[in-house]
PDB file of N, CA and C in Angstrom:
ATOM      1  N   GLY A   1      23.745  -5.903  28.117  1.00  0.00           N
ATOM      2  CA  GLY A   1      24.101  -4.608  27.563  1.00  0.00           C
ATOM      3  C   GLY A   1      24.357  -4.688  26.069  1.00  0.00           C
ATOM      4  N   ARG A   2      23.290  -4.940  25.307  1.00  0.00           N
ATOM      5  CA  ARG A   2      23.442  -5.024  23.853  1.00  0.00           C
ATOM      6  C   ARG A   2      23.330  -3.636  23.229  1.00  0.00           C
ATOM      7  N   ASP A   3      24.405  -2.887  23.289  1.00  0.00           N
ATOM      8  CA  ASP A   3      24.385  -1.581  22.628  1.00  0.00           C
ATOM      9  C   ASP A   3      25.790  -1.204  22.187  1.00  0.00           C
ATOM     10  N   TRP A   4      25.845  -0.275  21.255  1.00  0.00           N
ATOM     11  CA  TRP A   4      27.139   0.099  20.678  1.00  0.00           C
ATOM     12  C   TRP A   4      28.033   0.848  21.648  1.00  0.00           C
ATOM     13  N   ALA A   5      27.434   1.537  22.635  1.00  0.00           N
ATOM     14  CA  ALA A   5      28.263   2.240  23.623  1.00  0.00           C
ATOM     15  C   ALA A   5      29.116   1.228  24.381  1.00  0.00           C
ATOM     16  N   ALA A   6      28.517   0.095  24.746  1.00  0.00           N
ATOM     17  CA  ALA A   6      29.247  -0.964  25.457  1.00  0.00           C
ATOM     18  C   ALA A   6      30.317  -1.578  24.551  1.00  0.00           C
ATOM     19  N   ILE A   7      29.990  -1.751  23.274  1.00  0.00           N
ATOM     20  CA  ILE A   7      30.953  -2.314  22.315  1.00  0.00           C
ATOM     21  C   ILE A   7      32.148  -1.372  22.160  1.00  0.00           C
ATOM     22  N   ARG A   8      31.865  -0.077  22.007  1.00  0.00           N
ATOM     23  CA  ARG A   8      32.956   0.899  21.851  1.00  0.00           C
ATOM     24  C   ARG A   8      33.847   0.938  23.095  1.00  0.00           C
ATOM     25  N   LYS A   9      33.232   0.859  24.270  1.00  0.00           N
ATOM     26  CA  LYS A   9      33.981   0.846  25.529  1.00  0.00           C
ATOM     27  C   LYS A   9      34.886  -0.387  25.570  1.00  0.00           C
ATOM     28  N   ARG A  10      34.344  -1.530  25.188  1.00  0.00           N
ATOM     29  CA  ARG A  10      35.105  -2.786  25.185  1.00  0.00           C
ATOM     30  C   ARG A  10      36.280  -2.691  24.204  1.00  0.00           C
ATOM     31  N   MET A  11      36.027  -2.091  23.043  1.00  0.00           N
ATOM     32  CA  MET A  11      37.100  -1.946  22.056  1.00  0.00           C
ATOM     33  C   MET A  11      38.224  -1.074  22.611  1.00  0.00           C
ATOM     34  N   ARG A  12      37.871   0.001  23.312  1.00  0.00           N
ATOM     35  CA  ARG A  12      38.893   0.862  23.928  1.00  0.00           C
ATOM     36  C   ARG A  12      39.688   0.081  24.970  1.00  0.00           C
ATOM     37  N   GLU A  13      38.984  -0.697  25.805  1.00  0.00           N
ATOM     38  CA  GLU A  13      39.647  -1.480  26.854  1.00  0.00           C
ATOM     39  C   GLU A  13      40.634  -2.483  26.257  1.00  0.00           C
ATOM     40  N   LEU A  14      40.248  -3.113  25.150  1.00  0.00           N
ATOM     41  CA  LEU A  14      41.097  -4.127  24.520  1.00  0.00           C
ATOM     42  C   LEU A  14      42.229  -3.507  23.701  1.00  0.00           C
ATOM     43  N   GLY A  15      42.055  -2.239  23.309  1.00  0.00           N
ATOM     44  CA  GLY A  15      43.060  -1.578  22.488  1.00  0.00           C
ATOM     45  C   GLY A  15      42.889  -1.847  21.004  1.00  0.00           C
ATOM     46  N   VAL A  16      41.637  -2.040  20.574  1.00  0.00           N
ATOM     47  CA  VAL A  16      41.365  -2.303  19.162  1.00  0.00           C
ATOM     48  C   VAL A  16      41.900  -1.150  18.316  1.00  0.00           C
ATOM     49  N   GLY A  17      42.679  -1.507  17.285  1.00  0.00           N
ATOM     50  CA  GLY A  17      43.246  -0.486  16.410  1.00  0.00           C
ATOM     51  C   GLY A  17      42.254  -0.030  15.358  1.00  0.00           C
ATOM     52  N   ARG A  18      41.757  -0.990  14.586  1.00  0.00           N
ATOM     53  CA  ARG A  18      40.809  -0.666  13.514  1.00  0.00           C
ATOM     54  C   ARG A  18      39.712  -1.705  13.520  1.00  0.00           C
ATOM     55  N   TYR A  19      38.562  -1.317  12.959  1.00  0.00           N
ATOM     56  CA  TYR A  19      37.500  -2.307  12.809  1.00  0.00           C
ATOM     57  C   TYR A  19      36.688  -2.025  11.561  1.00  0.00           C
ATOM     58  N   TRP A  20      36.055  -3.074  11.054  1.00  0.00           N
ATOM     59  CA  TRP A  20      35.236  -2.998   9.852  1.00  0.00           C
ATOM     60  C   TRP A  20      33.947  -3.760  10.106  1.00  0.00           C
ATOM     61  N   ILE A  21      32.881  -3.287   9.497  1.00  0.00           N
ATOM     62  CA  ILE A  21      31.609  -4.005   9.545  1.00  0.00           C
ATOM     63  C   ILE A  21      31.146  -4.187   8.111  1.00  0.00           C
ATOM     64  N   GLU A  22      30.814  -5.422   7.756  1.00  0.00           N
ATOM     65  CA  GLU A  22      30.287  -5.715   6.424  1.00  0.00           C
ATOM     66  C   GLU A  22      28.893  -6.286   6.582  1.00  0.00           C
ATOM     67  N   GLY A  23      27.988  -5.863   5.707  1.00  0.00           N
ATOM     68  CA  GLY A  23      26.631  -6.397   5.744  1.00  0.00           C
ATOM     69  C   GLY A  23      25.605  -5.284   5.678  1.00  0.00           C
ATOM     70  N   GLU A  24      24.359  -5.687   5.550  1.00  0.00           N
ATOM     71  CA  GLU A  24      23.269  -4.717   5.474  1.00  0.00           C
ATOM     72  C   GLU A  24      22.824  -4.322   6.882  1.00  0.00           C
ATOM     73  N   PRO A  25      22.456  -3.053   7.085  1.00  0.00           N
ATOM     74  CA  PRO A  25      21.975  -2.631   8.403  1.00  0.00           C
ATOM     75  C   PRO A  25      20.791  -3.493   8.857  1.00  0.00           C
ATOM     76  N   GLY A  26      20.872  -4.004  10.071  1.00  0.00           N
ATOM     77  CA  GLY A  26      19.787  -4.808  10.621  1.00  0.00           C
ATOM     78  C   GLY A  26      19.776  -6.256  10.157  1.00  0.00           C
ATOM     79  N   GLY A  27      20.698  -6.608   9.247  1.00  0.00           N
ATOM     80  CA  GLY A  27      20.744  -7.971   8.733  1.00  0.00           C
ATOM     81  C   GLY A  27      22.032  -8.662   9.123  1.00  0.00           C
ATOM     82  N   PRO A  28      22.261  -9.860   8.557  1.00  0.00           N
ATOM     83  CA  PRO A  28      23.486 -10.594   8.856  1.00  0.00           C
ATOM     84  C   PRO A  28      24.718  -9.731   8.565  1.00  0.00           C
ATOM     85  N   ALA A  29      25.714  -9.846   9.430  1.00  0.00           N
ATOM     86  CA  ALA A  29      26.884  -8.986   9.287  1.00  0.00           C
ATOM     87  C   ALA A  29      28.147  -9.719   9.703  1.00  0.00           C
ATOM     88  N   ARG A  30      29.265  -9.185   9.239  1.00  0.00           N
ATOM     89  CA  ARG A  30      30.586  -9.657   9.656  1.00  0.00           C
ATOM     90  C   ARG A  30      31.304  -8.469  10.285  1.00  0.00           C
ATOM     91  N   PHE A  31      31.932  -8.722  11.412  1.00  0.00           N
ATOM     92  CA  PHE A  31      32.698  -7.695  12.120  1.00  0.00           C
ATOM     93  C   PHE A  31      34.144  -8.150  12.172  1.00  0.00           C
ATOM     94  N   ARG A  32      35.058  -7.253  11.832  1.00  0.00           N
ATOM     95  CA  ARG A  32      36.492  -7.543  11.912  1.00  0.00           C
ATOM     96  C   ARG A  32      37.160  -6.449  12.714  1.00  0.00           C
ATOM     97  N   CYS A  33      38.177  -6.845  13.483  1.00  0.00           N
ATOM     98  CA  CYS A  33      38.951  -5.833  14.203  1.00  0.00           C
ATOM     99  C   CYS A  33      40.385  -6.311  14.352  1.00  0.00           C
ATOM    100  N   THR A  34      41.283  -5.374  14.618  1.00  0.00           N
ATOM    101  CA  THR A  34      42.687  -5.726  14.827  1.00  0.00           C
ATOM    102  C   THR A  34      43.142  -5.243  16.196  1.00  0.00           C
ATOM    103  N   LEU A  35      44.022  -6.029  16.796  1.00  0.00           N
ATOM    104  CA  LEU A  35      44.659  -5.668  18.063  1.00  0.00           C
ATOM    105  C   LEU A  35      46.161  -5.712  17.859  1.00  0.00           C
ATOM    106  N   PRO A  36      46.870  -4.718  18.387  1.00  0.00           N
ATOM    107  CA  PRO A  36      48.325  -4.752  18.272  1.00  0.00           C
ATOM    108  C   PRO A  36      48.901  -5.925  19.057  1.00  0.00           C
ATOM    109  N   VAL A  37      49.964  -6.514  18.536  1.00  0.00           N
ATOM    110  CA  VAL A  37      50.652  -7.601  19.233  1.00  0.00           C
ATOM    111  C   VAL A  37      51.701  -6.977  20.148  1.00  0.00           C
ATOM    112  N   ALA A  38      51.649  -7.319  21.427  1.00  0.00           N
ATOM    113  CA  ALA A  38      52.555  -6.731  22.425  1.00  0.00           C
ATOM    114  C   ALA A  38      54.016  -6.949  22.040  1.00  0.00           C
ATOM    115  N   GLY A  39      54.784  -5.864  22.082  1.00  0.00           N
ATOM    116  CA  GLY A  39      56.216  -5.964  21.841  1.00  0.00           C
ATOM    117  C   GLY A  39      56.618  -6.112  20.381  1.00  0.00           C
ATOM    118  N   GLN A  40      55.640  -6.066  19.473  1.00  0.00           N
ATOM    119  CA  GLN A  40      55.969  -6.187  18.047  1.00  0.00           C
ATOM    120  C   GLN A  40      55.368  -5.008  17.296  1.00  0.00           C
ATOM    121  N   ARG A  41      56.180  -3.998  17.102  1.00  0.00           N
ATOM    122  CA  ARG A  41      55.727  -2.780  16.436  1.00  0.00           C
ATOM    123  C   ARG A  41      55.198  -3.061  15.036  1.00  0.00           C
ATOM    124  N   GLY A  42      54.032  -2.525  14.754  1.00  0.00           N
ATOM    125  CA  GLY A  42      53.465  -2.668  13.420  1.00  0.00           C
ATOM    126  C   GLY A  42      52.842  -4.022  13.138  1.00  0.00           C
ATOM    127  N   VAL A  43      52.775  -4.892  14.151  1.00  0.00           N
ATOM    128  CA  VAL A  43      52.165  -6.210  13.960  1.00  0.00           C
ATOM    129  C   VAL A  43      50.815  -6.225  14.665  1.00  0.00           C
ATOM    130  N   ALA A  44      49.793  -6.705  13.956  1.00  0.00           N
ATOM    131  CA  ALA A  44      48.454  -6.758  14.539  1.00  0.00           C
ATOM    132  C   ALA A  44      47.838  -8.134  14.317  1.00  0.00           C
ATOM    133  N   GLN A  45      46.997  -8.520  15.252  1.00  0.00           N
ATOM    134  CA  GLN A  45      46.251  -9.779  15.151  1.00  0.00           C
ATOM    135  C   GLN A  45      44.825  -9.416  14.754  1.00  0.00           C
ATOM    136  N   GLN A  46      44.280 -10.116  13.758  1.00  0.00           N
ATOM    137  CA  GLN A  46      42.920  -9.814  13.306  1.00  0.00           C
ATOM    138  C   GLN A  46      41.929 -10.834  13.856  1.00  0.00           C
ATOM    139  N   PHE A  47      40.765 -10.337  14.213  1.00  0.00           N
ATOM    140  CA  PHE A  47      39.668 -11.179  14.692  1.00  0.00           C
ATOM    141  C   PHE A  47      38.446 -10.867  13.864  1.00  0.00           C
ATOM    142  N   GLU A  48      37.658 -11.891  13.576  1.00  0.00           N
ATOM    143  CA  GLU A  48      36.413 -11.635  12.866  1.00  0.00           C
ATOM    144  C   GLU A  48      35.362 -12.629  13.300  1.00  0.00           C
ATOM    145  N   ALA A  49      34.118 -12.222  13.126  1.00  0.00           N
ATOM    146  CA  ALA A  49      32.997 -13.095  13.450  1.00  0.00           C
ATOM    147  C   ALA A  49      31.795 -12.655  12.639  1.00  0.00           C
ATOM    148  N   GLU A  50      30.890 -13.600  12.411  1.00  0.00           N
ATOM    149  CA  GLU A  50      29.635 -13.290  11.738  1.00  0.00           C
ATOM    150  C   GLU A  50      28.511 -13.408  12.753  1.00  0.00           C
ATOM    151  N   GLY A  51      27.441 -12.667  12.508  1.00  0.00           N
ATOM    152  CA  GLY A  51      26.299 -12.713  13.414  1.00  0.00           C
ATOM    153  C   GLY A  51      25.019 -12.361  12.692  1.00  0.00           C
ATOM    154  N   GLU A  52      23.908 -12.504  13.403  1.00  0.00           N
ATOM    155  CA  GLU A  52      22.601 -12.155  12.836  1.00  0.00           C
ATOM    156  C   GLU A  52      22.513 -10.663  12.566  1.00  0.00           C
ATOM    157  N   ASP A  53      23.301  -9.888  13.319  1.00  0.00           N
ATOM    158  CA  ASP A  53      23.415  -8.450  13.065  1.00  0.00           C
ATOM    159  C   ASP A  53      24.826  -8.016  13.462  1.00  0.00           C
ATOM    160  N   ALA A  54      25.141  -6.771  13.175  1.00  0.00           N
ATOM    161  CA  ALA A  54      26.504  -6.281  13.419  1.00  0.00           C
ATOM    162  C   ALA A  54      26.867  -6.330  14.902  1.00  0.00           C
ATOM    163  N   LEU A  55      25.895  -6.061  15.755  1.00  0.00           N
ATOM    164  CA  LEU A  55      26.158  -6.056  17.192  1.00  0.00           C
ATOM    165  C   LEU A  55      26.547  -7.448  17.685  1.00  0.00           C
ATOM    166  N   GLN A  56      25.799  -8.453  17.246  1.00  0.00           N
ATOM    167  CA  GLN A  56      26.113  -9.831  17.640  1.00  0.00           C
ATOM    168  C   GLN A  56      27.494 -10.247  17.112  1.00  0.00           C
ATOM    169  N   ALA A  57      27.776  -9.883  15.874  1.00  0.00           N
ATOM    170  CA  ALA A  57      29.078 -10.207  15.287  1.00  0.00           C
ATOM    171  C   ALA A  57      30.200  -9.530  16.075  1.00  0.00           C
ATOM    172  N   ALA A  58      29.995  -8.273  16.449  1.00  0.00           N
ATOM    173  CA  ALA A  58      31.003  -7.534  17.210  1.00  0.00           C
ATOM    174  C   ALA A  58      31.229  -8.173  18.575  1.00  0.00           C
ATOM    175  N   GLU A  59      30.142  -8.546  19.251  1.00  0.00           N
ATOM    176  CA  GLU A  59      30.267  -9.172  20.573  1.00  0.00           C
ATOM    177  C   GLU A  59      31.099 -10.450  20.488  1.00  0.00           C
ATOM    178  N   THR A  60      30.824 -11.266  19.471  1.00  0.00           N
ATOM    179  CA  THR A  60      31.543 -12.533  19.307  1.00  0.00           C
ATOM    180  C   THR A  60      33.018 -12.296  19.007  1.00  0.00           C
ATOM    181  N   ALA A  61      33.299 -11.389  18.080  1.00  0.00           N
ATOM    182  CA  ALA A  61      34.689 -11.105  17.715  1.00  0.00           C
ATOM    183  C   ALA A  61      35.465 -10.547  18.910  1.00  0.00           C
ATOM    184  N   LEU A  62      34.834  -9.675  19.682  1.00  0.00           N
ATOM    185  CA  LEU A  62      35.521  -9.075  20.825  1.00  0.00           C
ATOM    186  C   LEU A  62      35.744 -10.087  21.943  1.00  0.00           C
ATOM    187  N   ARG A  63      34.837 -11.064  22.074  1.00  0.00           N
ATOM    188  CA  ARG A  63      35.057 -12.155  23.036  1.00  0.00           C
ATOM    189  C   ARG A  63      36.312 -12.935  22.650  1.00  0.00           C
ATOM    190  N   ARG A  64      36.432 -13.231  21.358  1.00  0.00           N
ATOM    191  CA  ARG A  64      37.616 -13.950  20.865  1.00  0.00           C
ATOM    192  C   ARG A  64      38.881 -13.129  21.098  1.00  0.00           C
ATOM    193  N   ALA A  65      38.782 -11.835  20.838  1.00  0.00           N
ATOM    194  CA  ALA A  65      39.934 -10.950  21.023  1.00  0.00           C
ATOM    195  C   ALA A  65      40.346 -10.902  22.495  1.00  0.00           C
ATOM    196  N   ALA A  66      39.367 -10.856  23.393  1.00  0.00           N
ATOM    197  CA  ALA A  66      39.660 -10.801  24.829  1.00  0.00           C
ATOM    198  C   ALA A  66      40.354 -12.080  25.293  1.00  0.00           C
ATOM    199  N   LEU A  67      39.903 -13.221  24.789  1.00  0.00           N
ATOM    200  CA  LEU A  67      40.531 -14.505  25.142  1.00  0.00           C
ATOM    201  C   LEU A  67      41.974 -14.538  24.649  1.00  0.00           C
ATOM    202  N   TRP A  68      42.181 -14.089  23.412  1.00  0.00           N
ATOM    203  CA  TRP A  68      43.532 -14.062  22.843  1.00  0.00           C
ATOM    204  C   TRP A  68      44.431 -13.150  23.670  1.00  0.00           C
ATOM    205  N   LYS A  69      43.915 -11.965  24.000  1.00  0.00           N
ATOM    206  CA  LYS A  69      44.717 -10.997  24.745  1.00  0.00           C
ATOM    207  C   LYS A  69      45.096 -11.548  26.119  1.00  0.00           C
ATOM    208  N   ALA A  70      44.179 -12.264  26.752  1.00  0.00           N
ATOM    209  CA  ALA A  70      44.442 -12.844  28.076  1.00  0.00           C
ATOM    210  C   ALA A  70      45.567 -13.878  28.003  1.00  0.00           C
ATOM    211  N   THR A  71      45.597 -14.672  26.948  1.00  0.00           N
ATOM    212  CA  THR A  71      46.627 -15.708  26.836  1.00  0.00           C
ATOM    213  C   THR A  71      47.926 -15.138  26.276  1.00  0.00           C
ATOM    214  N   GLU A  72      47.816 -14.085  25.452  1.00  0.00           N
ATOM    215  CA  GLU A  72      48.995 -13.498  24.818  1.00  0.00           C
ATOM    216  C   GLU A  72      49.921 -12.862  25.846  1.00  0.00           C
ATOM    217  N   SER A  73      49.354 -12.342  26.920  1.00  0.00           N
ATOM    218  CA  SER A  73      50.161 -11.599  27.898  1.00  0.00           C
ATOM    219  C   SER A  73      50.837 -12.511  28.925  1.00  0.00           C
ATOM    220  N   GLU A  74      50.613 -13.815  28.836  1.00  0.00           N
ATOM    221  CA  GLU A  74      51.216 -14.744  29.809  1.00  0.00           C
ATOM    222  C   GLU A  74      52.706 -14.913  29.569  1.00  0.00           C
TER     223      GLU A  74
END
């Protein structure tokens, strides 16, 4: 499912606060996003990744965010 609808759905599920994409359309890109830290108001954890395109970068960053979120809630 390499599409932005799936990425947006994943971001909603994870609770992504903000995200940024840097790079040229269709070219190498960097994706950054923040997730709130549970129980700490106003504190966010940032994740970023680079990829051959923005979609690949987003997928990688969100994988990292999901792993962090899984361990953070323990």
